[in-house]
Amino acid sequence: MKITTALAVAVGLGALAACNQSPRENAAENIEANADAMAENIEENADAMAANVEANGDAVAENVEEAGDNAADAATNNAY
């Protein structure tokens, strides 16, 4: 969805900029706008993935800590 929106915006901007330019200049600007939009989407996806990895890492660390606490409690209470 983001890629489609970004490409639509890039095409719209390209059309506005096309008023007094040659077809080659228009094509070059459209290529650049599309590449910029794609790069931005890649960066946004990478940021989202990094946030998910961090959240998952925090959850795993919490589970390990809880398991350690339970094992320590069991050792204290001789519940092995």
C-alpha atoms as a PDB file:
ATOM      1  CA  MET A   1       0.000   0.000   0.000  1.00  0.00           C
ATOM      2  CA  LYS A   2       2.771   2.425   0.884  1.00  0.00           C
ATOM      3  CA  ILE A   3       4.610   1.685  -2.348  1.00  0.00           C
ATOM      4  CA  THR A   4       1.500   2.354  -4.410  1.00  0.00           C
ATOM      5  CA  THR A   5       0.871   5.643  -2.633  1.00  0.00           C
ATOM      6  CA  ALA A   6       4.478   6.718  -2.965  1.00  0.00           C
ATOM      7  CA  LEU A   7       4.532   5.869  -6.655  1.00  0.00           C
ATOM      8  CA  ALA A   8       1.283   7.751  -7.236  1.00  0.00           C
ATOM      9  CA  VAL A   9       2.713  10.804  -5.516  1.00  0.00           C
ATOM     10  CA  ALA A  10       5.914  10.516  -7.545  1.00  0.00           C
ATOM     11  CA  VAL A  11       3.969  10.303 -10.800  1.00  0.00           C
ATOM     12  CA  GLY A  12       1.838  13.286  -9.783  1.00  0.00           C
ATOM     13  CA  LEU A  13       4.885  15.344  -8.940  1.00  0.00           C
ATOM     14  CA  GLY A  14       6.476  14.287 -12.191  1.00  0.00           C
ATOM     15  CA  ALA A  15       3.415  15.423 -14.104  1.00  0.00           C
ATOM     16  CA  LEU A  16       3.484  18.824 -12.412  1.00  0.00           C
ATOM     17  CA  ALA A  17       7.170  19.245 -13.126  1.00  0.00           C
ATOM     18  CA  ALA A  18       6.696  18.226 -16.756  1.00  0.00           C
ATOM     19  CA  CYS A  19       5.250  21.515 -17.928  1.00  0.00           C
ATOM     20  CA  ASN A  20       8.360  22.989 -19.575  1.00  0.00           C
ATOM     21  CA  GLN A  21      10.694  20.011 -19.844  1.00  0.00           C
ATOM     22  CA  SER A  22      11.762  17.607 -22.536  1.00  0.00           C
ATOM     23  CA  PRO A  23      10.535  14.003 -22.461  1.00  0.00           C
ATOM     24  CA  ARG A  24      14.027  12.865 -21.400  1.00  0.00           C
ATOM     25  CA  GLU A  25      14.069  15.286 -18.477  1.00  0.00           C
ATOM     26  CA  ASN A  26      10.599  14.131 -17.477  1.00  0.00           C
ATOM     27  CA  ALA A  27      11.635  10.485 -17.625  1.00  0.00           C
ATOM     28  CA  ALA A  28      14.782  11.184 -15.601  1.00  0.00           C
ATOM     29  CA  GLU A  29      12.808  13.001 -12.917  1.00  0.00           C
ATOM     30  CA  ASN A  30      10.234  10.198 -12.747  1.00  0.00           C
ATOM     31  CA  ILE A  31      12.994   7.603 -12.382  1.00  0.00           C
ATOM     32  CA  GLU A  32      14.594   9.608  -9.594  1.00  0.00           C
ATOM     33  CA  ALA A  33      11.268  10.186  -7.813  1.00  0.00           C
ATOM     34  CA  ASN A  34      10.398   6.475  -8.012  1.00  0.00           C
ATOM     35  CA  ALA A  35      13.809   5.479  -6.683  1.00  0.00           C
ATOM     36  CA  ASP A  36      13.482   7.959  -3.804  1.00  0.00           C
ATOM     37  CA  ALA A  37      10.020   6.628  -2.946  1.00  0.00           C
ATOM     38  CA  MET A  38      11.235   3.043  -3.016  1.00  0.00           C
ATOM     39  CA  ALA A  39      14.232   3.892  -0.828  1.00  0.00           C
ATOM     40  CA  GLU A  40      11.967   5.597   1.697  1.00  0.00           C
ATOM     41  CA  ASN A  41       9.689   2.552   1.822  1.00  0.00           C
ATOM     42  CA  ILE A  42      12.679   0.273   2.363  1.00  0.00           C
ATOM     43  CA  GLU A  43      13.867   2.457   5.242  1.00  0.00           C
ATOM     44  CA  GLU A  44      10.381   2.484   6.811  1.00  0.00           C
ATOM     45  CA  ASN A  45      10.158  -1.311   6.531  1.00  0.00           C
ATOM     46  CA  ALA A  46      13.619  -1.701   8.065  1.00  0.00           C
ATOM     47  CA  ASP A  47      12.643   0.548  10.978  1.00  0.00           C
ATOM     48  CA  ALA A  48       9.477  -1.469  11.564  1.00  0.00           C
ATOM     49  CA  MET A  49      11.407  -4.748  11.439  1.00  0.00           C
ATOM     50  CA  ALA A  50      13.982  -3.413  13.902  1.00  0.00           C
ATOM     51  CA  ALA A  51      11.213  -2.425  16.318  1.00  0.00           C
ATOM     52  CA  ASN A  52       9.712  -5.926  16.059  1.00  0.00           C
ATOM     53  CA  VAL A  53      13.082  -7.574  16.650  1.00  0.00           C
ATOM     54  CA  GLU A  54      13.664  -5.410  19.716  1.00  0.00           C
ATOM     55  CA  ALA A  55      10.220  -6.201  21.124  1.00  0.00           C
ATOM     56  CA  ASN A  56      10.727  -9.926  20.558  1.00  0.00           C
ATOM     57  CA  GLY A  57      14.167  -9.777  22.161  1.00  0.00           C
ATOM     58  CA  ASP A  58      12.731  -8.025  25.201  1.00  0.00           C
ATOM     59  CA  ALA A  59      10.026 -10.686  25.522  1.00  0.00           C
ATOM     60  CA  VAL A  60      12.536 -13.539  25.268  1.00  0.00           C
ATOM     61  CA  ALA A  61      14.806 -11.894  27.834  1.00  0.00           C
ATOM     62  CA  GLU A  62      11.878 -11.497  30.209  1.00  0.00           C
ATOM     63  CA  ASN A  63      10.958 -15.183  29.773  1.00  0.00           C
ATOM     64  CA  VAL A  64      14.544 -16.249  30.499  1.00  0.00           C
ATOM     65  CA  GLU A  65      14.637 -14.079  33.605  1.00  0.00           C
ATOM     66  CA  GLU A  66      11.328 -15.506  34.809  1.00  0.00           C
ATOM     67  CA  ALA A  67      12.533 -19.067  34.205  1.00  0.00           C
ATOM     68  CA  GLY A  68      15.689 -18.306  36.201  1.00  0.00           C
ATOM     69  CA  ASP A  69      13.632 -16.903  39.060  1.00  0.00           C
ATOM     70  CA  ASN A  70      11.422 -20.000  39.054  1.00  0.00           C
ATOM     71  CA  ALA A  71      14.436 -22.309  39.058  1.00  0.00           C
ATOM     72  CA  ALA A  72      15.968 -20.381  41.943  1.00  0.00           C
ATOM     73  CA  ASP A  73      12.712 -20.573  43.887  1.00  0.00           C
ATOM     74  CA  ALA A  74      12.536 -24.299  43.236  1.00  0.00           C
ATOM     75  CA  ALA A  75      16.120 -24.772  44.440  1.00  0.00           C
ATOM     76  CA  THR A  76      15.371 -22.772  47.560  1.00  0.00           C
ATOM     77  CA  ASN A  77      12.295 -24.851  48.294  1.00  0.00           C
ATOM     78  CA  ASN A  78      13.976 -28.165  47.339  1.00  0.00           C
ATOM     79  CA  ALA A  79      11.222 -28.749  44.818  1.00  0.00           C
ATOM     80  CA  TYR A  80      13.348 -30.459  42.167  1.00  0.00           C
END
